[in-house]
Protein backbone atom coordinates (compact mmCIF):
# COMPACT_ATOMS: atom_id res chain seq x y z
CA MET A 1 -17.22 14.32 -42.29
CA LYS A 2 -15.98 11.08 -40.72
CA THR A 3 -12.51 11.74 -42.11
CA ILE A 4 -12.38 15.15 -40.41
CA GLN A 5 -13.45 13.57 -37.10
CA LYS A 6 -10.72 10.92 -37.43
CA ILE A 7 -8.10 13.59 -38.20
CA LEU A 8 -9.22 15.73 -35.25
CA MET A 9 -9.19 12.70 -32.95
CA PHE A 10 -5.70 11.78 -34.18
CA LEU A 11 -4.44 15.32 -33.59
CA LEU A 12 -6.03 15.37 -30.15
CA LEU A 13 -4.32 12.10 -29.26
CA LEU A 14 -0.99 13.46 -30.49
CA LEU A 15 -1.39 16.62 -28.43
CA LEU A 16 -2.43 14.77 -25.29
CA GLY A 17 0.10 11.98 -25.75
CA GLY A 18 2.87 14.08 -24.24
CA CYS A 19 0.74 15.15 -21.29
CA GLY A 20 0.56 11.71 -19.75
CA ALA A 21 -1.59 8.66 -19.85
CA ILE A 22 -3.43 6.65 -17.30
CA VAL A 23 -2.90 2.92 -17.57
CA VAL A 24 -5.17 0.82 -15.43
CA GLU A 25 -4.35 -2.82 -14.82
CA VAL A 26 -6.39 -5.30 -12.86
CA GLY A 27 -5.36 -4.61 -9.30
CA GLY A 28 -2.94 -2.02 -10.66
CA GLY A 29 -3.53 0.72 -8.18
CA LEU A 30 -6.76 2.48 -9.02
CA PHE A 31 -8.72 0.06 -6.85
CA SER A 32 -7.57 -2.46 -4.28
CA GLY A 33 -8.09 -5.41 -6.62
CA TYR A 34 -9.79 -7.44 -3.89
CA ASP A 35 -13.05 -7.89 -5.81
CA LYS A 36 -11.16 -9.49 -8.70
CA LEU A 37 -9.76 -12.26 -6.47
CA SER A 38 -11.24 -15.71 -6.07
CA LYS A 39 -12.78 -16.66 -2.71
CA ILE A 40 -9.72 -18.80 -1.97
CA GLN A 41 -7.38 -15.87 -2.68
CA GLN A 42 -9.52 -13.55 -0.55
CA LYS A 43 -9.04 -15.90 2.42
CA ARG A 44 -5.35 -14.91 2.47
CA PHE A 45 -6.37 -11.41 3.64
CA ILE A 46 -6.63 -11.36 7.43
CA LYS A 47 -8.07 -8.46 9.40
CA VAL A 48 -5.91 -7.49 12.35
CA GLU A 49 -7.84 -5.49 14.93
CA HIS A 50 -5.02 -4.86 17.39
CA HIS A 51 -1.30 -5.51 17.42
CA GLN A 52 -1.02 -9.24 17.79
CA SER A 53 1.49 -11.95 17.15
CA LEU A 54 1.41 -12.71 13.44
CA SER A 55 2.84 -15.81 11.87
CA ALA A 56 5.46 -14.57 9.44
CA GLY A 57 6.06 -16.69 6.39
CA ASP A 58 2.49 -17.92 6.01
CA LYS A 59 1.85 -15.86 2.84
CA SER A 60 -1.08 -14.05 4.38
CA ILE A 61 -1.71 -10.36 3.83
CA TYR A 62 -2.64 -8.53 7.03
CA LEU A 63 -5.24 -5.76 6.84
CA ILE A 64 -4.51 -3.16 9.52
CA SER A 65 -5.65 0.29 10.60
CA GLY A 66 -3.40 3.30 10.96
CA ALA A 67 -3.75 2.98 14.75
CA THR A 68 -2.55 -0.63 14.61
CA LEU A 69 0.42 0.39 12.48
CA ASN A 70 1.27 3.05 15.02
CA THR A 71 1.21 0.48 17.82
CA MET A 72 3.33 -1.95 15.80
CA ALA A 73 5.94 0.72 15.06
CA ASN A 74 6.10 1.79 18.70
CA HIS A 75 7.08 -1.73 19.82
CA HIS A 76 10.57 -1.16 18.40
CA ASN A 77 13.30 1.43 18.87
CA ALA A 78 13.44 2.20 15.15
CA THR A 79 10.97 1.26 12.43
CA LEU A 80 11.06 1.90 8.71
CA ILE A 81 7.57 1.96 7.18
CA TYR A 82 7.62 1.59 3.40
CA PHE A 83 4.47 2.41 1.43
CA TRP A 84 4.84 0.09 -1.56
CA SER A 85 3.19 0.36 -4.96
CA PRO A 86 3.79 -3.14 -6.35
CA ASN A 87 3.67 -2.02 -10.01
CA CYS A 88 5.96 0.98 -9.52
CA THR A 89 8.73 1.26 -12.11
CA SER A 90 10.01 4.71 -11.13
CA LYS A 91 13.60 5.42 -10.09
CA VAL A 92 12.33 6.25 -6.60
CA CYS A 93 10.89 2.75 -6.09
CA TYR A 94 13.36 0.55 -4.26
CA SER A 95 13.61 -3.21 -4.36
CA LEU A 96 12.14 -4.84 -1.30
CA SER A 97 15.20 -6.99 -0.72
CA SER A 98 17.41 -3.86 -0.70
CA ILE A 99 15.19 -2.18 1.87
CA LYS A 100 15.05 -5.31 4.00
CA ASN A 101 18.85 -5.66 3.89
CA TYR A 102 19.23 -2.00 4.87
CA CYS A 103 16.89 -2.50 7.82
CA VAL A 104 18.77 -5.59 8.97
CA GLU A 105 22.08 -3.71 8.66
CA LYS A 106 20.76 -0.72 10.68
CA ASN A 107 18.77 -2.88 13.13
CA PHE A 108 15.45 -1.30 12.07
CA ASN A 109 12.10 -3.00 12.18
CA PHE A 110 10.75 -3.14 8.60
CA ILE A 111 7.03 -2.77 7.94
CA LEU A 112 5.83 -3.06 4.36
CA ILE A 113 2.48 -1.45 3.53
CA ALA A 114 1.20 -2.51 0.10
CA GLU A 115 -1.03 0.14 -1.42
CA TYR A 116 -3.00 -2.31 -3.56
CA ILE A 117 -3.10 -5.99 -4.47
CA ASN A 118 -0.75 -7.65 -6.92
CA LEU A 119 -0.41 -11.30 -5.91
CA GLU A 120 2.45 -11.94 -8.33
CA ARG A 121 4.57 -9.18 -6.77
CA PHE A 122 3.44 -10.26 -3.29
CA GLU A 123 5.09 -13.64 -3.93
CA GLU A 124 8.42 -11.86 -4.45
CA ALA A 125 8.03 -10.22 -1.04
CA PHE A 126 7.11 -13.51 0.62
CA ASP A 127 10.13 -15.19 -1.00
CA ALA A 128 12.32 -12.47 0.56
CA GLY A 129 10.78 -13.25 3.98
CA ILE A 130 8.78 -10.01 4.15
CA THR A 131 5.38 -9.81 5.81
CA ILE A 132 2.84 -7.76 3.86
CA TYR A 133 0.38 -5.38 5.46
CA MET A 134 -2.32 -3.34 3.76
CA PRO A 135 -4.73 -0.66 4.93
CA ASN A 136 -7.93 -2.32 6.08
CA PHE A 137 -9.99 -1.10 3.13
CA LEU A 138 -12.70 -3.65 4.02
CA ASN A 139 -13.36 -1.91 7.36
CA TYR A 140 -13.09 1.51 5.75
CA GLY A 141 -15.72 0.49 3.19
CA ILE A 142 -13.58 2.04 0.44
CA ASP A 143 -12.10 0.23 -2.55
CA TYR A 144 -10.58 3.26 -4.29
CA CYS A 145 -6.83 3.11 -3.56
CA ASN A 146 -6.06 6.83 -3.22
CA ARG A 147 -9.01 7.34 -0.91
CA TYR A 148 -8.36 4.46 1.50
CA MET A 149 -4.65 5.33 1.57
CA ARG A 150 -5.58 8.91 2.52
CA VAL A 151 -7.87 7.65 5.32
CA PHE A 152 -5.19 5.21 6.51
CA LYS A 153 -2.42 7.84 6.62
CA LYS A 154 -4.71 10.35 8.29
CA GLU A 155 -5.57 7.77 10.93
CA LEU A 156 -1.88 7.00 11.43
CA LEU A 157 -0.92 10.67 11.69
CA GLN A 158 -3.87 11.44 13.99
CA GLN A 159 -2.51 8.88 16.42
CA LYS A 160 0.85 10.66 16.35
CA TYR A 161 -0.83 14.07 16.70
CA ASP A 162 -2.88 12.90 19.69
CA LYS A 163 0.27 11.65 21.44
CA ILE A 164 2.08 14.93 20.83
CA THR A 165 -0.83 17.03 22.04
CA ASN A 166 -1.19 14.90 25.17
CA LEU A 167 2.53 15.20 25.81
CA ILE A 168 2.67 18.99 25.56
CA GLY A 169 -0.85 19.67 26.84
CA ILE A 170 -2.48 21.25 23.79
CA CYS A 171 -6.28 21.06 23.83
């Protein structure tokens, strides 16, 4: 009986193997990864309530709301906001240095939004002189990455929607 179960399990794994797999790493995108950090590492995450002068190059990660991101983007003529998955290996994931160079070339403000925590990859961004922002999952009370990203983007887009409706007078 155990042999039949093993064979069925093996066949099931073979059948499902081509359908995809979920690989979860510590801080790899399913959750923020904040709870896995030491207290010293957690001190690098700074809540930003409103757009304020931030000290670039200090290797802090700034936790912001969608409304704050909207305000930050509106302080410049052109802003490129890049939602970054640090562990992404897809062809559609661009190197941060390439994006930064493009923004410098085009005179765009570059805002990097990390979707989850990967301190090793964050160091690469800091070495390239890039400030890292994240959705303020602590204020949202959500640690599940997809959920706090959805709340963050909705908040960001609601700000844009409110401005458009005020501009054209839609109630």
